[in-house]
PDB file of N, CA and C in Angstrom:
ATOM      1  N   MET A   1      62.910  56.875 101.464  1.00  0.00           N
ATOM      2  CA  MET A   1      63.174  58.302 101.608  1.00  0.00           C
ATOM      3  C   MET A   1      64.029  58.792 100.439  1.00  0.00           C
ATOM      4  N   PRO A   2      63.761  60.012  99.965  1.00  0.00           N
ATOM      5  CA  PRO A   2      64.606  60.562  98.902  1.00  0.00           C
ATOM      6  C   PRO A   2      65.968  60.979  99.438  1.00  0.00           C
ATOM      7  N   LYS A   3      66.895  61.129  98.530  1.00  0.00           N
ATOM      8  CA  LYS A   3      68.238  61.558  98.926  1.00  0.00           C
ATOM      9  C   LYS A   3      68.223  63.022  99.347  1.00  0.00           C
ATOM     10  N   MET A   4      69.162  63.382 100.238  1.00  0.00           N
ATOM     11  CA  MET A   4      69.324  64.775 100.648  1.00  0.00           C
ATOM     12  C   MET A   4      70.065  65.515  99.536  1.00  0.00           C
ATOM     13  N   LYS A   5      69.560  66.660  99.146  1.00  0.00           N
ATOM     14  CA  LYS A   5      70.214  67.449  98.106  1.00  0.00           C
ATOM     15  C   LYS A   5      71.201  68.423  98.731  1.00  0.00           C
ATOM     16  N   THR A   6      72.313  68.661  98.033  1.00  0.00           N
ATOM     17  CA  THR A   6      73.257  69.676  98.491  1.00  0.00           C
ATOM     18  C   THR A   6      72.730  71.039  98.063  1.00  0.00           C
ATOM     19  N   LYS A   7      73.190  72.087  98.726  1.00  0.00           N
ATOM     20  CA  LYS A   7      72.825  73.445  98.331  1.00  0.00           C
ATOM     21  C   LYS A   7      73.602  73.781  97.065  1.00  0.00           C
ATOM     22  N   SER A   8      72.893  74.120  96.011  1.00  0.00           N
ATOM     23  CA  SER A   8      73.545  74.384  94.730  1.00  0.00           C
ATOM     24  C   SER A   8      74.505  75.564  94.817  1.00  0.00           C
ATOM     25  N   SER A   9      74.144  76.579  95.610  1.00  0.00           N
ATOM     26  CA  SER A   9      75.018  77.747  95.709  1.00  0.00           C
ATOM     27  C   SER A   9      76.338  77.383  96.380  1.00  0.00           C
ATOM     28  N   ALA A  10      76.284  76.542  97.397  1.00  0.00           N
ATOM     29  CA  ALA A  10      77.507  76.116  98.088  1.00  0.00           C
ATOM     30  C   ALA A  10      78.351  75.207  97.194  1.00  0.00           C
ATOM     31  N   LYS A  11      77.679  74.380  96.422  1.00  0.00           N
ATOM     32  CA  LYS A  11      78.372  73.460  95.527  1.00  0.00           C
ATOM     33  C   LYS A  11      79.203  74.228  94.498  1.00  0.00           C
ATOM     34  N   LYS A  12      78.676  75.385  94.053  1.00  0.00           N
ATOM     35  CA  LYS A  12      79.375  76.183  93.053  1.00  0.00           C
ATOM     36  C   LYS A  12      80.506  77.016  93.660  1.00  0.00           C
ATOM     37  N   ARG A  13      80.414  77.357  94.948  1.00  0.00           N
ATOM     38  CA  ARG A  13      81.357  78.292  95.546  1.00  0.00           C
ATOM     39  C   ARG A  13      82.535  77.650  96.267  1.00  0.00           C
ATOM     40  N   PHE A  14      82.392  76.407  96.722  1.00  0.00           N
ATOM     41  CA  PHE A  14      83.419  75.802  97.563  1.00  0.00           C
ATOM     42  C   PHE A  14      83.926  74.502  96.969  1.00  0.00           C
ATOM     43  N   LYS A  15      85.218  74.224  97.218  1.00  0.00           N
ATOM     44  CA  LYS A  15      85.841  72.960  96.802  1.00  0.00           C
ATOM     45  C   LYS A  15      86.571  72.384  98.000  1.00  0.00           C
ATOM     46  N   LEU A  16      86.660  71.070  98.049  1.00  0.00           N
ATOM     47  CA  LEU A  16      87.407  70.407  99.109  1.00  0.00           C
ATOM     48  C   LEU A  16      88.849  70.197  98.682  1.00  0.00           C
ATOM     49  N   THR A  17      89.784  70.391  99.609  1.00  0.00           N
ATOM     50  CA  THR A  17      91.184  70.092  99.335  1.00  0.00           C
ATOM     51  C   THR A  17      91.419  68.617  99.662  1.00  0.00           C
ATOM     52  N   GLY A  18      92.614  68.139  99.367  1.00  0.00           N
ATOM     53  CA  GLY A  18      92.936  66.751  99.632  1.00  0.00           C
ATOM     54  C   GLY A  18      92.937  66.406 101.112  1.00  0.00           C
ATOM     55  N   SER A  19      93.273  67.397 101.947  1.00  0.00           N
ATOM     56  CA  SER A  19      93.325  67.154 103.389  1.00  0.00           C
ATOM     57  C   SER A  19      91.973  67.363 104.063  1.00  0.00           C
ATOM     58  N   GLY A  20      90.945  67.737 103.284  1.00  0.00           N
ATOM     59  CA  GLY A  20      89.604  67.883 103.846  1.00  0.00           C
ATOM     60  C   GLY A  20      89.223  69.298 104.223  1.00  0.00           C
ATOM     61  N   LYS A  21      90.109  70.267 103.953  1.00  0.00           N
ATOM     62  CA  LYS A  21      89.765  71.660 104.224  1.00  0.00           C
ATOM     63  C   LYS A  21      88.930  72.198 103.063  1.00  0.00           C
ATOM     64  N   ILE A  22      88.292  73.339 103.276  1.00  0.00           N
ATOM     65  CA  ILE A  22      87.409  73.904 102.265  1.00  0.00           C
ATOM     66  C   ILE A  22      88.050  75.155 101.673  1.00  0.00           C
ATOM     67  N   LYS A  23      88.110  75.175 100.338  1.00  0.00           N
ATOM     68  CA  LYS A  23      88.727  76.268  99.614  1.00  0.00           C
ATOM     69  C   LYS A  23      87.643  77.202  99.099  1.00  0.00           C
ATOM     70  N   ARG A  24      87.942  78.511  99.056  1.00  0.00           N
ATOM     71  CA  ARG A  24      86.997  79.498  98.558  1.00  0.00           C
ATOM     72  C   ARG A  24      87.731  80.571  97.771  1.00  0.00           C
ATOM     73  N   LYS A  25      86.968  81.344  97.009  1.00  0.00           N
ATOM     74  CA  LYS A  25      87.529  82.482  96.293  1.00  0.00           C
ATOM     75  C   LYS A  25      87.251  83.748  97.083  1.00  0.00           C
ATOM     76  N   HIS A  26      88.005  84.791  96.798  1.00  0.00           N
ATOM     77  CA  HIS A  26      87.799  86.082  97.436  1.00  0.00           C
ATOM     78  C   HIS A  26      86.623  86.813  96.793  1.00  0.00           C
ATOM     79  N   ALA A  27      85.979  87.671  97.573  1.00  0.00           N
ATOM     80  CA  ALA A  27      84.907  88.516  97.066  1.00  0.00           C
ATOM     81  C   ALA A  27      85.492  89.786  96.446  1.00  0.00           C
ATOM     82  N   TYR A  28      84.634  90.605  95.865  1.00  0.00           N
ATOM     83  CA  TYR A  28      84.990  91.911  95.297  1.00  0.00           C
ATOM     84  C   TYR A  28      85.935  91.811  94.104  1.00  0.00           C
ATOM     85  N   LYS A  29      85.747  90.828  93.248  1.00  0.00           N
ATOM     86  CA  LYS A  29      86.606  90.683  92.080  1.00  0.00           C
ATOM     87  C   LYS A  29      85.768  90.520  90.808  1.00  0.00           C
ATOM     88  N   SER A  30      84.537  91.066  90.808  1.00  0.00           N
ATOM     89  CA  SER A  30      83.676  90.842  89.648  1.00  0.00           C
ATOM     90  C   SER A  30      83.473  92.077  88.779  1.00  0.00           C
ATOM     91  N   HIS A  31      83.284  93.262  89.364  1.00  0.00           N
ATOM     92  CA  HIS A  31      83.084  94.462  88.554  1.00  0.00           C
ATOM     93  C   HIS A  31      83.519  95.689  89.347  1.00  0.00           C
ATOM     94  N   ILE A  32      83.538  96.832  88.682  1.00  0.00           N
ATOM     95  CA  ILE A  32      84.043  98.104  89.221  1.00  0.00           C
ATOM     96  C   ILE A  32      85.487  97.904  89.719  1.00  0.00           C
ATOM     97  N   LEU A  33      86.329  97.415  88.828  1.00  0.00           N
ATOM     98  CA  LEU A  33      87.710  97.114  89.200  1.00  0.00           C
ATOM     99  C   LEU A  33      88.658  98.259  88.872  1.00  0.00           C
ATOM    100  N   THR A  34      88.167  99.309  88.218  1.00  0.00           N
ATOM    101  CA  THR A  34      89.050 100.390  87.802  1.00  0.00           C
ATOM    102  C   THR A  34      89.563 101.194  88.985  1.00  0.00           C
ATOM    103  N   LYS A  35      88.792 101.282  90.057  1.00  0.00           N
ATOM    104  CA  LYS A  35      89.238 102.068  91.216  1.00  0.00           C
ATOM    105  C   LYS A  35      90.156 101.274  92.139  1.00  0.00           C
ATOM    106  N   MET A  36      90.303  99.985  91.916  1.00  0.00           N
ATOM    107  CA  MET A  36      91.180  99.165  92.761  1.00  0.00           C
ATOM    108  C   MET A  36      92.607  99.198  92.235  1.00  0.00           C
ATOM    109  N   SER A  37      93.548  99.098  93.152  1.00  0.00           N
ATOM    110  CA  SER A  37      94.943  99.037  92.746  1.00  0.00           C
ATOM    111  C   SER A  37      95.247  97.658  92.158  1.00  0.00           C
ATOM    112  N   LYS A  38      96.293  97.606  91.380  1.00  0.00           N
ATOM    113  CA  LYS A  38      96.705  96.349  90.748  1.00  0.00           C
ATOM    114  C   LYS A  38      97.074  95.319  91.816  1.00  0.00           C
ATOM    115  N   LYS A  39      97.730  95.794  92.870  1.00  0.00           N
ATOM    116  CA  LYS A  39      98.158  94.918  93.960  1.00  0.00           C
ATOM    117  C   LYS A  39      96.959  94.261  94.635  1.00  0.00           C
ATOM    118  N   ARG A  40      95.915  95.048  94.876  1.00  0.00           N
ATOM    119  CA  ARG A  40      94.726  94.522  95.550  1.00  0.00           C
ATOM    120  C   ARG A  40      94.007  93.487  94.682  1.00  0.00           C
ATOM    121  N   LYS A  41      93.883  93.785  93.382  1.00  0.00           N
ATOM    122  CA  LYS A  41      93.229  92.847  92.469  1.00  0.00           C
ATOM    123  C   LYS A  41      94.012  91.539  92.379  1.00  0.00           C
ATOM    124  N   LEU A  42      95.331  91.640  92.398  1.00  0.00           N
ATOM    125  CA  LEU A  42      96.166  90.444  92.331  1.00  0.00           C
ATOM    126  C   LEU A  42      95.978  89.573  93.568  1.00  0.00           C
ATOM    127  N   ARG A  43      95.884  90.219  94.747  1.00  0.00           N
ATOM    128  CA  ARG A  43      95.675  89.465  95.983  1.00  0.00           C
ATOM    129  C   ARG A  43      94.304  88.787  95.994  1.00  0.00           C
ATOM    130  N   LEU A  44      93.297  89.443  95.409  1.00  0.00           N
ATOM    131  CA  LEU A  44      91.946  88.875  95.386  1.00  0.00           C
ATOM    132  C   LEU A  44      91.822  87.709  94.406  1.00  0.00           C
ATOM    133  N   THR A  45      92.763  87.597  93.469  1.00  0.00           N
ATOM    134  CA  THR A  45      92.712  86.534  92.466  1.00  0.00           C
ATOM    135  C   THR A  45      92.943  85.164  93.088  1.00  0.00           C
ATOM    136  N   HIS A  46      93.834  85.095  94.061  1.00  0.00           N
ATOM    137  CA  HIS A  46      94.208  83.812  94.633  1.00  0.00           C
ATOM    138  C   HIS A  46      93.132  83.284  95.576  1.00  0.00           C
ATOM    139  N   SER A  47      92.961  81.982  95.596  1.00  0.00           N
ATOM    140  CA  SER A  47      91.966  81.383  96.492  1.00  0.00           C
ATOM    141  C   SER A  47      92.560  81.212  97.884  1.00  0.00           C
ATOM    142  N   THR A  48      91.695  81.010  98.867  1.00  0.00           N
ATOM    143  CA  THR A  48      92.117  80.870 100.249  1.00  0.00           C
ATOM    144  C   THR A  48      91.246  79.836 100.931  1.00  0.00           C
ATOM    145  N   LEU A  49      91.536  79.552 102.185  1.00  0.00           N
ATOM    146  CA  LEU A  49      90.765  78.567 102.933  1.00  0.00           C
ATOM    147  C   LEU A  49      89.666  79.248 103.730  1.00  0.00           C
ATOM    148  N   VAL A  50      88.596  78.506 103.959  1.00  0.00           N
ATOM    149  CA  VAL A  50      87.479  78.995 104.756  1.00  0.00           C
ATOM    150  C   VAL A  50      87.904  79.029 106.220  1.00  0.00           C
ATOM    151  N   HIS A  51      87.432  80.022 106.945  1.00  0.00           N
ATOM    152  CA  HIS A  51      87.745  80.152 108.368  1.00  0.00           C
ATOM    153  C   HIS A  51      87.153  78.964 109.133  1.00  0.00           C
ATOM    154  N   PRO A  52      87.878  78.439 110.127  1.00  0.00           N
ATOM    155  CA  PRO A  52      87.395  77.255 110.863  1.00  0.00           C
ATOM    156  C   PRO A  52      86.017  77.423 111.501  1.00  0.00           C
ATOM    157  N   SER A  53      85.649  78.653 111.886  1.00  0.00           N
ATOM    158  CA  SER A  53      84.341  78.853 112.502  1.00  0.00           C
ATOM    159  C   SER A  53      83.204  78.699 111.492  1.00  0.00           C
ATOM    160  N   ASP A  54      83.490  78.831 110.200  1.00  0.00           N
ATOM    161  CA  ASP A  54      82.466  78.687 109.164  1.00  0.00           C
ATOM    162  C   ASP A  54      82.437  77.288 108.555  1.00  0.00           C
ATOM    163  N   GLU A  55      83.441  76.471 108.848  1.00  0.00           N
ATOM    164  CA  GLU A  55      83.549  75.164 108.195  1.00  0.00           C
ATOM    165  C   GLU A  55      82.337  74.263 108.454  1.00  0.00           C
ATOM    166  N   ASN A  56      81.838  74.245 109.689  1.00  0.00           N
ATOM    167  CA  ASN A  56      80.725  73.351 110.013  1.00  0.00           C
ATOM    168  C   ASN A  56      79.482  73.665 109.197  1.00  0.00           C
ATOM    169  N   SER A  57      79.148  74.943 109.069  1.00  0.00           N
ATOM    170  CA  SER A  57      77.940  75.303 108.321  1.00  0.00           C
ATOM    171  C   SER A  57      78.090  74.990 106.838  1.00  0.00           C
ATOM    172  N   ILE A  58      79.288  75.162 106.297  1.00  0.00           N
ATOM    173  CA  ILE A  58      79.503  74.872 104.883  1.00  0.00           C
ATOM    174  C   ILE A  58      79.481  73.365 104.636  1.00  0.00           C
ATOM    175  N   LYS A  59      80.070  72.605 105.542  1.00  0.00           N
ATOM    176  CA  LYS A  59      80.030  71.151 105.405  1.00  0.00           C
ATOM    177  C   LYS A  59      78.595  70.641 105.478  1.00  0.00           C
ATOM    178  N   GLU A  60      77.775  71.284 106.291  1.00  0.00           N
ATOM    179  CA  GLU A  60      76.371  70.903 106.388  1.00  0.00           C
ATOM    180  C   GLU A  60      75.645  71.208 105.082  1.00  0.00           C
ATOM    181  N   GLN A  61      75.964  72.351 104.457  1.00  0.00           N
ATOM    182  CA  GLN A  61      75.335  72.705 103.187  1.00  0.00           C
ATOM    183  C   GLN A  61      75.775  71.767 102.084  1.00  0.00           C
ATOM    184  N   LEU A  62      77.022  71.295 102.140  1.00  0.00           N
ATOM    185  CA  LEU A  62      77.516  70.362 101.137  1.00  0.00           C
ATOM    186  C   LEU A  62      77.163  68.921 101.489  1.00  0.00           C
ATOM    187  N   ARG A  63      76.490  68.735 102.615  1.00  0.00           N
ATOM    188  CA  ARG A  63      76.063  67.405 103.116  1.00  0.00           C
ATOM    189  C   ARG A  63      77.249  66.495 103.354  1.00  0.00           C
ATOM    190  N   LEU A  64      78.310  67.056 103.958  1.00  0.00           N
ATOM    191  CA  LEU A  64      79.482  66.264 104.307  1.00  0.00           C
ATOM    192  C   LEU A  64      79.427  65.784 105.741  1.00  0.00           C
ATOM    193  N   LYS A  65      78.494  66.311 106.534  1.00  0.00           N
ATOM    194  CA  LYS A  65      78.388  65.922 107.938  1.00  0.00           C
ATOM    195  C   LYS A  65      77.190  65.039 108.146  1.00  0.00           C
TER     196      LYS A  65
END
């Protein structure tokens, strides 16, 4: 049998932390940034963790389960 491939889109968007949680970037930080406040853009710059209800589906896409 051939190996299972990971989803390329998920591979590019998510990273695993050392404790096994999944890290992601915020949306809405690519274009049309002139109407956003500086404070909002700064908050969107930092990465955050994936919500626990979404972790299973992302782990499945990354073939971690």
